[in-house]
């Protein structure tokens, strides 16, 4: 080994003369983006689930009130309302599962 190589190796072993370099300078940005993405997904999912709970609660109240005689609707009106509400619930669940939590190939 030459004197120069030995000098370089000796300098590398001294901790005050060397510093670790991040091999991926965008790594911290990527981690921060993933954290922000998860936080946004969680916010959207909670908001959409709250909408589902409210919608199903209102649907059940209308159904119960109609059955007990407090409200009266034509049969087709009530059937369309119930079917539309269930279609909305399934649509929101589909949006949550397909778009907020897509499959990722890593």
PDB file of N, CA and C in Angstrom:
ATOM      1  N   UNK A   1       0.840  -1.165   0.000  1.00  0.00           N
ATOM      2  CA  UNK A   1       0.000   0.000   0.000  1.00  0.00           C
ATOM      3  C   UNK A   1       0.891   1.237   0.000  1.00  0.00           C
ATOM      4  N   UNK A   2       0.523   2.181  -0.780  1.00  0.00           N
ATOM      5  CA  UNK A   2       1.331   3.399  -0.866  1.00  0.00           C
ATOM      6  C   UNK A   2       1.066   4.274   0.344  1.00  0.00           C
ATOM      7  N   UNK A   3       1.970   5.233   0.534  1.00  0.00           N
ATOM      8  CA  UNK A   3       1.813   6.162   1.664  1.00  0.00           C
ATOM      9  C   UNK A   3       0.528   6.971   1.535  1.00  0.00           C
ATOM     10  N   UNK A   4       0.210   7.318   0.314  1.00  0.00           N
ATOM     11  CA  UNK A   4      -1.010   8.108   0.099  1.00  0.00           C
ATOM     12  C   UNK A   4      -2.252   7.308   0.485  1.00  0.00           C
ATOM     13  N   UNK A   5      -2.327   6.031   0.088  1.00  0.00           N
ATOM     14  CA  UNK A   5      -3.461   5.174   0.432  1.00  0.00           C
ATOM     15  C   UNK A   5      -3.560   4.980   1.935  1.00  0.00           C
ATOM     16  N   UNK A   6      -2.424   4.795   2.580  1.00  0.00           N
ATOM     17  CA  UNK A   6      -2.427   4.629   4.035  1.00  0.00           C
ATOM     18  C   UNK A   6      -2.904   5.901   4.714  1.00  0.00           C
ATOM     19  N   UNK A   7      -2.497   7.048   4.188  1.00  0.00           N
ATOM     20  CA  UNK A   7      -2.930   8.327   4.751  1.00  0.00           C
ATOM     21  C   UNK A   7      -4.438   8.519   4.592  1.00  0.00           C
ATOM     22  N   UNK A   8      -4.950   8.141   3.442  1.00  0.00           N
ATOM     23  CA  UNK A   8      -6.400   8.271   3.205  1.00  0.00           C
ATOM     24  C   UNK A   8      -7.168   7.361   4.153  1.00  0.00           C
ATOM     25  N   UNK A   9      -6.724   6.120   4.281  1.00  0.00           N
ATOM     26  CA  UNK A   9      -7.397   5.194   5.195  1.00  0.00           C
ATOM     27  C   UNK A   9      -7.338   5.685   6.632  1.00  0.00           C
ATOM     28  N   UNK A  10      -6.216   6.231   7.045  1.00  0.00           N
ATOM     29  CA  UNK A  10      -6.078   6.752   8.404  1.00  0.00           C
ATOM     30  C   UNK A  10      -7.029   7.930   8.623  1.00  0.00           C
ATOM     31  N   UNK A  11      -7.131   8.822   7.625  1.00  0.00           N
ATOM     32  CA  UNK A  11      -8.035   9.968   7.747  1.00  0.00           C
ATOM     33  C   UNK A  11      -9.508   9.532   7.777  1.00  0.00           C
ATOM     34  N   UNK A  12      -9.844   8.478   7.032  1.00  0.00           N
ATOM     35  CA  UNK A  12     -11.217   7.992   7.030  1.00  0.00           C
ATOM     36  C   UNK A  12     -11.615   7.394   8.371  1.00  0.00           C
ATOM     37  N   UNK A  13     -10.658   6.863   9.093  1.00  0.00           N
ATOM     38  CA  UNK A  13     -10.960   6.254  10.384  1.00  0.00           C
ATOM     39  C   UNK A  13     -11.178   7.298  11.475  1.00  0.00           C
ATOM     40  N   UNK A  14     -10.739   8.503  11.248  1.00  0.00           N
ATOM     41  CA  UNK A  14     -10.938   9.563  12.230  1.00  0.00           C
ATOM     42  C   UNK A  14     -12.357  10.126  12.065  1.00  0.00           C
ATOM     43  N   UNK A  15     -13.140  10.079  13.127  1.00  0.00           N
ATOM     44  CA  UNK A  15     -14.551  10.462  13.013  1.00  0.00           C
ATOM     45  C   UNK A  15     -14.737  11.963  12.862  1.00  0.00           C
ATOM     46  N   UNK A  16     -13.791  12.768  13.309  1.00  0.00           N
ATOM     47  CA  UNK A  16     -13.970  14.211  13.213  1.00  0.00           C
ATOM     48  C   UNK A  16     -13.687  14.749  11.820  1.00  0.00           C
ATOM     49  N   UNK A  17     -13.090  13.943  10.951  1.00  0.00           N
ATOM     50  CA  UNK A  17     -12.780  14.404   9.605  1.00  0.00           C
ATOM     51  C   UNK A  17     -13.720  13.843   8.552  1.00  0.00           C
ATOM     52  N   UNK A  18     -14.588  12.942   8.927  1.00  0.00           N
ATOM     53  CA  UNK A  18     -15.515  12.360   7.963  1.00  0.00           C
ATOM     54  C   UNK A  18     -16.939  12.534   8.460  1.00  0.00           C
ATOM     55  N   UNK A  19     -17.840  12.525   7.541  1.00  0.00           N
ATOM     56  CA  UNK A  19     -19.267  12.624   7.882  1.00  0.00           C
ATOM     57  C   UNK A  19     -20.044  11.671   6.988  1.00  0.00           C
ATOM     58  N   UNK A  20     -21.110  11.135   7.530  1.00  0.00           N
ATOM     59  CA  UNK A  20     -21.954  10.257   6.740  1.00  0.00           C
ATOM     60  C   UNK A  20     -22.730  11.084   5.725  1.00  0.00           C
ATOM     61  N   UNK A  21     -22.815  10.549   4.547  1.00  0.00           N
ATOM     62  CA  UNK A  21     -23.552  11.219   3.487  1.00  0.00           C
ATOM     63  C   UNK A  21     -24.765  10.359   3.176  1.00  0.00           C
ATOM     64  N   UNK A  22     -25.908  11.004   3.102  1.00  0.00           N
ATOM     65  CA  UNK A  22     -27.132  10.292   2.765  1.00  0.00           C
ATOM     66  C   UNK A  22     -27.035   9.853   1.315  1.00  0.00           C
ATOM     67  N   UNK A  23     -27.083   8.546   1.042  1.00  0.00           N
ATOM     68  CA  UNK A  23     -26.961   8.088  -0.337  1.00  0.00           C
ATOM     69  C   UNK A  23     -28.154   8.499  -1.198  1.00  0.00           C
ATOM     70  N   UNK A  24     -29.295   8.759  -0.579  1.00  0.00           N
ATOM     71  CA  UNK A  24     -30.495   9.165  -1.313  1.00  0.00           C
ATOM     72  C   UNK A  24     -30.945  10.516  -0.771  1.00  0.00           C
ATOM     73  N   UNK A  25     -30.566  11.620  -1.426  1.00  0.00           N
ATOM     74  CA  UNK A  25     -30.920  12.933  -0.888  1.00  0.00           C
ATOM     75  C   UNK A  25     -32.424  13.197  -0.882  1.00  0.00           C
ATOM     76  N   UNK A  26     -33.169  12.457  -1.691  1.00  0.00           N
ATOM     77  CA  UNK A  26     -34.617  12.650  -1.717  1.00  0.00           C
ATOM     78  C   UNK A  26     -35.336  11.681  -0.785  1.00  0.00           C
ATOM     79  N   UNK A  27     -34.603  10.891  -0.047  1.00  0.00           N
ATOM     80  CA  UNK A  27     -35.208   9.913   0.855  1.00  0.00           C
ATOM     81  C   UNK A  27     -36.063  10.556   1.931  1.00  0.00           C
ATOM     82  N   UNK A  28     -35.569  11.641   2.519  1.00  0.00           N
ATOM     83  CA  UNK A  28     -36.341  12.325   3.558  1.00  0.00           C
ATOM     84  C   UNK A  28     -37.617  12.924   2.973  1.00  0.00           C
ATOM     85  N   UNK A  29     -37.536  13.450   1.758  1.00  0.00           N
ATOM     86  CA  UNK A  29     -38.719  14.000   1.094  1.00  0.00           C
ATOM     87  C   UNK A  29     -39.740  12.900   0.823  1.00  0.00           C
ATOM     88  N   UNK A  30     -39.261  11.737   0.391  1.00  0.00           N
ATOM     89  CA  UNK A  30     -40.144  10.617   0.097  1.00  0.00           C
ATOM     90  C   UNK A  30     -40.851  10.151   1.362  1.00  0.00           C
ATOM     91  N   UNK A  31     -40.132  10.072   2.450  1.00  0.00           N
ATOM     92  CA  UNK A  31     -40.734   9.657   3.723  1.00  0.00           C
ATOM     93  C   UNK A  31     -41.777  10.671   4.176  1.00  0.00           C
ATOM     94  N   UNK A  32     -41.481  11.945   4.055  1.00  0.00           N
ATOM     95  CA  UNK A  32     -42.428  12.986   4.447  1.00  0.00           C
ATOM     96  C   UNK A  32     -43.675  12.957   3.558  1.00  0.00           C
ATOM     97  N   UNK A  33     -43.489  12.707   2.255  1.00  0.00           N
ATOM     98  CA  UNK A  33     -44.628  12.602   1.344  1.00  0.00           C
ATOM     99  C   UNK A  33     -45.520  11.423   1.712  1.00  0.00           C
ATOM    100  N   UNK A  34     -44.908  10.309   2.057  1.00  0.00           N
ATOM    101  CA  UNK A  34     -45.696   9.135   2.448  1.00  0.00           C
ATOM    102  C   UNK A  34     -46.474   9.395   3.735  1.00  0.00           C
ATOM    103  N   UNK A  35     -45.861  10.075   4.678  1.00  0.00           N
ATOM    104  CA  UNK A  35     -46.568  10.402   5.932  1.00  0.00           C
ATOM    105  C   UNK A  35     -47.749  11.338   5.659  1.00  0.00           C
ATOM    106  N   UNK A  36     -47.524  12.341   4.832  1.00  0.00           N
ATOM    107  CA  UNK A  36     -48.608  13.271   4.493  1.00  0.00           C
ATOM    108  C   UNK A  36     -49.720  12.545   3.725  1.00  0.00           C
ATOM    109  N   UNK A  37     -49.339  11.626   2.846  1.00  0.00           N
ATOM    110  CA  UNK A  37     -50.319  10.855   2.075  1.00  0.00           C
ATOM    111  C   UNK A  37     -51.170   9.992   3.004  1.00  0.00           C
ATOM    112  N   UNK A  38     -50.539   9.337   3.972  1.00  0.00           N
ATOM    113  CA  UNK A  38     -51.287   8.524   4.934  1.00  0.00           C
ATOM    114  C   UNK A  38     -52.230   9.370   5.774  1.00  0.00           C
ATOM    115  N   UNK A  39     -51.770  10.532   6.187  1.00  0.00           N
ATOM    116  CA  UNK A  39     -52.612  11.412   6.995  1.00  0.00           C
ATOM    117  C   UNK A  39     -53.826  11.877   6.192  1.00  0.00           C
ATOM    118  N   UNK A  40     -53.611  12.237   4.931  1.00  0.00           N
ATOM    119  CA  UNK A  40     -54.714  12.671   4.075  1.00  0.00           C
ATOM    120  C   UNK A  40     -55.693  11.530   3.827  1.00  0.00           C
ATOM    121  N   UNK A  41     -55.185  10.331   3.573  1.00  0.00           N
ATOM    122  CA  UNK A  41     -56.052   9.171   3.370  1.00  0.00           C
ATOM    123  C   UNK A  41     -56.884   8.888   4.618  1.00  0.00           C
ATOM    124  N   UNK A  42     -56.268   9.006   5.774  1.00  0.00           N
ATOM    125  CA  UNK A  42     -56.990   8.761   7.024  1.00  0.00           C
ATOM    126  C   UNK A  42     -58.098   9.800   7.203  1.00  0.00           C
ATOM    127  N   UNK A  43     -57.814  11.054   6.882  1.00  0.00           N
ATOM    128  CA  UNK A  43     -58.822  12.110   6.994  1.00  0.00           C
ATOM    129  C   UNK A  43     -59.990  11.849   6.060  1.00  0.00           C
ATOM    130  N   UNK A  44     -59.686  11.527   4.800  1.00  0.00           N
ATOM    131  CA  UNK A  44     -60.745  11.230   3.843  1.00  0.00           C
ATOM    132  C   UNK A  44     -61.559  10.009   4.265  1.00  0.00           C
ATOM    133  N   UNK A  45     -60.884   8.956   4.703  1.00  0.00           N
ATOM    134  CA  UNK A  45     -61.590   7.738   5.098  1.00  0.00           C
ATOM    135  C   UNK A  45     -62.520   8.011   6.279  1.00  0.00           C
ATOM    136  N   UNK A  46     -62.054   8.749   7.273  1.00  0.00           N
ATOM    137  CA  UNK A  46     -62.902   9.074   8.427  1.00  0.00           C
ATOM    138  C   UNK A  46     -64.098   9.917   8.009  1.00  0.00           C
ATOM    139  N   UNK A  47     -63.882  10.888   7.135  1.00  0.00           N
ATOM    140  CA  UNK A  47     -64.964  11.741   6.661  1.00  0.00           C
ATOM    141  C   UNK A  47     -66.002  10.934   5.879  1.00  0.00           C
ATOM    142  N   UNK A  48     -65.542  10.059   4.986  1.00  0.00           N
ATOM    143  CA  UNK A  48     -66.465   9.249   4.195  1.00  0.00           C
ATOM    144  C   UNK A  48     -67.226   8.253   5.066  1.00  0.00           C
ATOM    145  N   UNK A  49     -66.564   7.695   6.070  1.00  0.00           N
ATOM    146  CA  UNK A  49     -67.260   6.781   6.975  1.00  0.00           C
ATOM    147  C   UNK A  49     -68.302   7.515   7.812  1.00  0.00           C
ATOM    148  N   UNK A  50     -68.021   8.745   8.189  1.00  0.00           N
ATOM    149  CA  UNK A  50     -69.005   9.547   8.911  1.00  0.00           C
ATOM    150  C   UNK A  50     -70.229   9.802   8.025  1.00  0.00           C
ATOM    151  N   UNK A  51     -70.001  10.103   6.760  1.00  0.00           N
ATOM    152  CA  UNK A  51     -71.112  10.294   5.826  1.00  0.00           C
ATOM    153  C   UNK A  51     -71.948   9.018   5.731  1.00  0.00           C
ATOM    154  N   UNK A  52     -71.283   7.866   5.671  1.00  0.00           N
ATOM    155  CA  UNK A  52     -72.014   6.604   5.589  1.00  0.00           C
ATOM    156  C   UNK A  52     -72.871   6.364   6.828  1.00  0.00           C
ATOM    157  N   UNK A  53     -72.313   6.629   7.990  1.00  0.00           N
ATOM    158  CA  UNK A  53     -73.067   6.420   9.230  1.00  0.00           C
ATOM    159  C   UNK A  53     -74.291   7.324   9.264  1.00  0.00           C
ATOM    160  N   UNK A  54     -74.125   8.581   8.907  1.00  0.00           N
ATOM    161  CA  UNK A  54     -75.254   9.522   8.907  1.00  0.00           C
ATOM    162  C   UNK A  54     -76.307   9.086   7.897  1.00  0.00           C
ATOM    163  N   UNK A  55     -75.874   8.721   6.695  1.00  0.00           N
ATOM    164  CA  UNK A  55     -76.815   8.317   5.651  1.00  0.00           C
ATOM    165  C   UNK A  55     -77.593   7.072   6.061  1.00  0.00           C
ATOM    166  N   UNK A  56     -76.925   6.080   6.600  1.00  0.00           N
ATOM    167  CA  UNK A  56     -77.616   4.857   7.011  1.00  0.00           C
ATOM    168  C   UNK A  56     -78.531   5.106   8.212  1.00  0.00           C
ATOM    169  N   UNK A  57     -78.140   5.996   9.106  1.00  0.00           N
ATOM    170  CA  UNK A  57     -78.986   6.338  10.245  1.00  0.00           C
ATOM    171  C   UNK A  57     -80.270   7.015   9.767  1.00  0.00           C
ATOM    172  N   UNK A  58     -80.132   7.979   8.861  1.00  0.00           N
ATOM    173  CA  UNK A  58     -81.315   8.656   8.319  1.00  0.00           C
ATOM    174  C   UNK A  58     -82.204   7.657   7.582  1.00  0.00           C
ATOM    175  N   UNK A  59     -81.609   6.769   6.800  1.00  0.00           N
ATOM    176  CA  UNK A  59     -82.394   5.773   6.074  1.00  0.00           C
ATOM    177  C   UNK A  59     -83.167   4.882   7.045  1.00  0.00           C
ATOM    178  N   UNK A  60     -82.509   4.448   8.117  1.00  0.00           N
ATOM    179  CA  UNK A  60     -83.191   3.592   9.090  1.00  0.00           C
ATOM    180  C   UNK A  60     -84.300   4.340   9.827  1.00  0.00           C
ATOM    181  N   UNK A  61     -84.097   5.617  10.106  1.00  0.00           N
ATOM    182  CA  UNK A  61     -85.147   6.404  10.764  1.00  0.00           C
ATOM    183  C   UNK A  61     -86.353   6.550   9.844  1.00  0.00           C
ATOM    184  N   UNK A  62     -86.113   6.852   8.576  1.00  0.00           N
ATOM    185  CA  UNK A  62     -87.212   6.961   7.610  1.00  0.00           C
ATOM    186  C   UNK A  62     -87.936   5.627   7.489  1.00  0.00           C
ATOM    187  N   UNK A  63     -87.189   4.540   7.408  1.00  0.00           N
ATOM    188  CA  UNK A  63     -87.787   3.212   7.299  1.00  0.00           C
ATOM    189  C   UNK A  63     -88.629   2.888   8.526  1.00  0.00           C
ATOM    190  N   UNK A  64     -88.108   3.178   9.704  1.00  0.00           N
ATOM    191  CA  UNK A  64     -88.818   2.907  10.954  1.00  0.00           C
ATOM    192  C   UNK A  64     -90.066   3.777  11.072  1.00  0.00           C
ATOM    193  N   UNK A  65     -89.930   5.076  10.747  1.00  0.00           N
ATOM    194  CA  UNK A  65     -91.079   5.993  10.830  1.00  0.00           C
ATOM    195  C   UNK A  65     -92.173   5.613   9.831  1.00  0.00           C
ATOM    196  N   UNK A  66     -91.767   5.173   8.656  1.00  0.00           N
ATOM    197  CA  UNK A  66     -92.751   4.753   7.660  1.00  0.00           C
ATOM    198  C   UNK A  66     -93.475   3.496   8.135  1.00  0.00           C
ATOM    199  N   UNK A  67     -92.714   2.568   8.688  1.00  0.00           N
ATOM    200  CA  UNK A  67     -93.321   1.329   9.188  1.00  0.00           C
ATOM    201  C   UNK A  67     -94.248   1.559  10.369  1.00  0.00           C
ATOM    202  N   UNK A  68     -93.939   2.548  11.200  1.00  0.00           N
ATOM    203  CA  UNK A  68     -94.782   2.812  12.370  1.00  0.00           C
ATOM    204  C   UNK A  68     -95.927   3.772  12.072  1.00  0.00           C
ATOM    205  N   UNK A  69     -96.004   4.304  10.863  1.00  0.00           N
ATOM    206  CA  UNK A  69     -97.126   5.132  10.451  1.00  0.00           C
ATOM    207  C   UNK A  69     -96.941   6.628  10.623  1.00  0.00           C
ATOM    208  N   UNK A  70     -95.785   7.083  11.093  1.00  0.00           N
ATOM    209  CA  UNK A  70     -95.542   8.526  11.239  1.00  0.00           C
ATOM    210  C   UNK A  70     -95.317   9.216   9.892  1.00  0.00           C
ATOM    211  N   UNK A  71     -94.756   8.494   8.949  1.00  0.00           N
ATOM    212  CA  UNK A  71     -94.538   9.016   7.595  1.00  0.00           C
ATOM    213  C   UNK A  71     -95.267   8.113   6.613  1.00  0.00           C
ATOM    214  N   UNK A  72     -95.684   8.689   5.526  1.00  0.00           N
ATOM    215  CA  UNK A  72     -96.302   7.844   4.499  1.00  0.00           C
ATOM    216  C   UNK A  72     -95.734   8.240   3.138  1.00  0.00           C
ATOM    217  N   UNK A  73     -95.285   7.242   2.435  1.00  0.00           N
ATOM    218  CA  UNK A  73     -94.765   7.399   1.088  1.00  0.00           C
ATOM    219  C   UNK A  73     -95.415   6.348   0.212  1.00  0.00           C
ATOM    220  N   UNK A  74     -95.418   6.602  -1.070  1.00  0.00           N
ATOM    221  CA  UNK A  74     -95.843   5.550  -1.981  1.00  0.00           C
ATOM    222  C   UNK A  74     -94.789   4.445  -1.953  1.00  0.00           C
ATOM    223  N   UNK A  75     -95.237   3.248  -2.286  1.00  0.00           N
ATOM    224  CA  UNK A  75     -94.324   2.103  -2.219  1.00  0.00           C
ATOM    225  C   UNK A  75     -93.085   2.317  -3.083  1.00  0.00           C
ATOM    226  N   UNK A  76     -93.252   2.804  -4.306  1.00  0.00           N
ATOM    227  CA  UNK A  76     -92.119   2.969  -5.210  1.00  0.00           C
ATOM    228  C   UNK A  76     -91.172   4.065  -4.737  1.00  0.00           C
ATOM    229  N   UNK A  77     -91.711   5.084  -4.116  1.00  0.00           N
ATOM    230  CA  UNK A  77     -90.863   6.164  -3.612  1.00  0.00           C
ATOM    231  C   UNK A  77     -89.933   5.644  -2.526  1.00  0.00           C
ATOM    232  N   UNK A  78     -90.510   4.886  -1.597  1.00  0.00           N
ATOM    233  CA  UNK A  78     -89.689   4.333  -0.512  1.00  0.00           C
ATOM    234  C   UNK A  78     -88.689   3.316  -1.044  1.00  0.00           C
ATOM    235  N   UNK A  79     -89.113   2.479  -1.985  1.00  0.00           N
ATOM    236  CA  UNK A  79     -88.202   1.484  -2.561  1.00  0.00           C
ATOM    237  C   UNK A  79     -87.035   2.152  -3.288  1.00  0.00           C
ATOM    238  N   UNK A  80     -87.321   3.206  -4.049  1.00  0.00           N
ATOM    239  CA  UNK A  80     -86.248   3.912  -4.759  1.00  0.00           C
ATOM    240  C   UNK A  80     -85.301   4.605  -3.789  1.00  0.00           C
ATOM    241  N   UNK A  81     -85.850   5.165  -2.720  1.00  0.00           N
ATOM    242  CA  UNK A  81     -85.004   5.824  -1.721  1.00  0.00           C
ATOM    243  C   UNK A  81     -84.073   4.817  -1.052  1.00  0.00           C
ATOM    244  N   UNK A  82     -84.617   3.675  -0.645  1.00  0.00           N
ATOM    245  CA  UNK A  82     -83.788   2.646   0.004  1.00  0.00           C
ATOM    246  C   UNK A  82     -82.729   2.107  -0.953  1.00  0.00           C
ATOM    247  N   UNK A  83     -83.111   1.836  -2.194  1.00  0.00           N
ATOM    248  CA  UNK A  83     -82.153   1.315  -3.175  1.00  0.00           C
ATOM    249  C   UNK A  83     -81.077   2.354  -3.482  1.00  0.00           C
ATOM    250  N   UNK A  84     -81.481   3.618  -3.609  1.00  0.00           N
ATOM    251  CA  UNK A  84     -80.504   4.679  -3.865  1.00  0.00           C
ATOM    252  C   UNK A  84     -79.526   4.857  -2.720  1.00  0.00           C
ATOM    253  N   UNK A  85     -80.028   4.762  -1.499  1.00  0.00           N
ATOM    254  CA  UNK A  85     -79.151   4.891  -0.330  1.00  0.00           C
ATOM    255  C   UNK A  85     -78.155   3.743  -0.278  1.00  0.00           C
ATOM    256  N   UNK A  86     -78.617   2.528  -0.525  1.00  0.00           N
ATOM    257  CA  UNK A  86     -77.703   1.385  -0.512  1.00  0.00           C
ATOM    258  C   UNK A  86     -76.690   1.470  -1.649  1.00  0.00           C
ATOM    259  N   UNK A  87     -77.124   1.948  -2.816  1.00  0.00           N
ATOM    260  CA  UNK A  87     -76.183   2.123  -3.930  1.00  0.00           C
ATOM    261  C   UNK A  87     -75.128   3.173  -3.578  1.00  0.00           C
ATOM    262  N   UNK A  88     -75.543   4.231  -2.893  1.00  0.00           N
ATOM    263  CA  UNK A  88     -74.587   5.254  -2.463  1.00  0.00           C
ATOM    264  C   UNK A  88     -73.580   4.688  -1.466  1.00  0.00           C
ATOM    265  N   UNK A  89     -74.047   3.879  -0.538  1.00  0.00           N
ATOM    266  CA  UNK A  89     -73.157   3.257   0.447  1.00  0.00           C
ATOM    267  C   UNK A  89     -72.131   2.374  -0.252  1.00  0.00           C
ATOM    268  N   UNK A  90     -72.601   1.526  -1.167  1.00  0.00           N
ATOM    269  CA  UNK A  90     -71.667   0.657  -1.885  1.00  0.00           C
ATOM    270  C   UNK A  90     -70.700   1.470  -2.738  1.00  0.00           C
ATOM    271  N   UNK A  91     -71.171   2.554  -3.327  1.00  0.00           N
ATOM    272  CA  UNK A  91     -70.288   3.418  -4.119  1.00  0.00           C
ATOM    273  C   UNK A  91     -69.209   4.075  -3.285  1.00  0.00           C
ATOM    274  N   UNK A  92     -69.556   4.556  -2.110  1.00  0.00           N
ATOM    275  CA  UNK A  92     -68.564   5.185  -1.238  1.00  0.00           C
ATOM    276  C   UNK A  92     -67.553   4.154  -0.750  1.00  0.00           C
ATOM    277  N   UNK A  93     -68.019   2.962  -0.415  1.00  0.00           N
ATOM    278  CA  UNK A  93     -67.098   1.899   0.000  1.00  0.00           C
ATOM    279  C   UNK A  93     -66.156   1.545  -1.145  1.00  0.00           C
ATOM    280  N   UNK A  94     -66.667   1.514  -2.364  1.00  0.00           N
ATOM    281  CA  UNK A  94     -65.829   1.232  -3.527  1.00  0.00           C
ATOM    282  C   UNK A  94     -64.769   2.322  -3.713  1.00  0.00           C
ATOM    283  N   UNK A  95     -65.159   3.578  -3.551  1.00  0.00           N
ATOM    284  CA  UNK A  95     -64.198   4.680  -3.665  1.00  0.00           C
ATOM    285  C   UNK A  95     -63.118   4.547  -2.603  1.00  0.00           C
ATOM    286  N   UNK A  96     -63.522   4.232  -1.382  1.00  0.00           N
ATOM    287  CA  UNK A  96     -62.549   4.095  -0.297  1.00  0.00           C
ATOM    288  C   UNK A  96     -61.561   2.976  -0.609  1.00  0.00           C
ATOM    289  N   UNK A  97     -62.060   1.818  -1.011  1.00  0.00           N
ATOM    290  CA  UNK A  97     -61.164   0.682  -1.208  1.00  0.00           C
ATOM    291  C   UNK A  97     -60.318   0.784  -2.472  1.00  0.00           C
ATOM    292  N   UNK A  98     -60.872   1.329  -3.536  1.00  0.00           N
ATOM    293  CA  UNK A  98     -60.126   1.375  -4.802  1.00  0.00           C
ATOM    294  C   UNK A  98     -59.170   2.565  -4.903  1.00  0.00           C
ATOM    295  N   UNK A  99     -59.596   3.720  -4.441  1.00  0.00           N
ATOM    296  CA  UNK A  99     -58.813   4.933  -4.700  1.00  0.00           C
ATOM    297  C   UNK A  99     -57.990   5.400  -3.506  1.00  0.00           C
ATOM    298  N   UNK A 100     -58.494   5.202  -2.300  1.00  0.00           N
ATOM    299  CA  UNK A 100     -57.707   5.632  -1.150  1.00  0.00           C
ATOM    300  C   UNK A 100     -56.664   4.592  -0.766  1.00  0.00           C
ATOM    301  N   UNK A 101     -56.924   3.324  -1.053  1.00  0.00           N
ATOM    302  CA  UNK A 101     -56.001   2.267  -0.695  1.00  0.00           C
ATOM    303  C   UNK A 101     -55.726   1.354  -1.884  1.00  0.00           C
ATOM    304  N   UNK A 102     -55.063   1.879  -2.920  1.00  0.00           N
ATOM    305  CA  UNK A 102     -54.797   1.051  -4.105  1.00  0.00           C
ATOM    306  C   UNK A 102     -53.706   0.018  -3.817  1.00  0.00           C
ATOM    307  N   UNK A 103     -53.717  -1.032  -4.625  1.00  0.00           N
ATOM    308  CA  UNK A 103     -52.644  -2.019  -4.520  1.00  0.00           C
ATOM    309  C   UNK A 103     -51.372  -1.432  -5.080  1.00  0.00           C
ATOM    310  N   UNK A 104     -50.301  -1.606  -4.361  1.00  0.00           N
ATOM    311  CA  UNK A 104     -49.001  -1.093  -4.821  1.00  0.00           C
ATOM    312  C   UNK A 104     -48.053  -2.251  -5.004  1.00  0.00           C
ATOM    313  N   UNK A 105     -47.369  -2.233  -6.110  1.00  0.00           N
ATOM    314  CA  UNK A 105     -46.349  -3.237  -6.362  1.00  0.00           C
ATOM    315  C   UNK A 105     -45.006  -2.589  -6.059  1.00  0.00           C
ATOM    316  N   UNK A 106     -44.339  -3.122  -5.069  1.00  0.00           N
ATOM    317  CA  UNK A 106     -43.046  -2.546  -4.670  1.00  0.00           C
ATOM    318  C   UNK A 106     -41.915  -3.472  -5.010  1.00  0.00           C
TER     319      UNK A 106
END
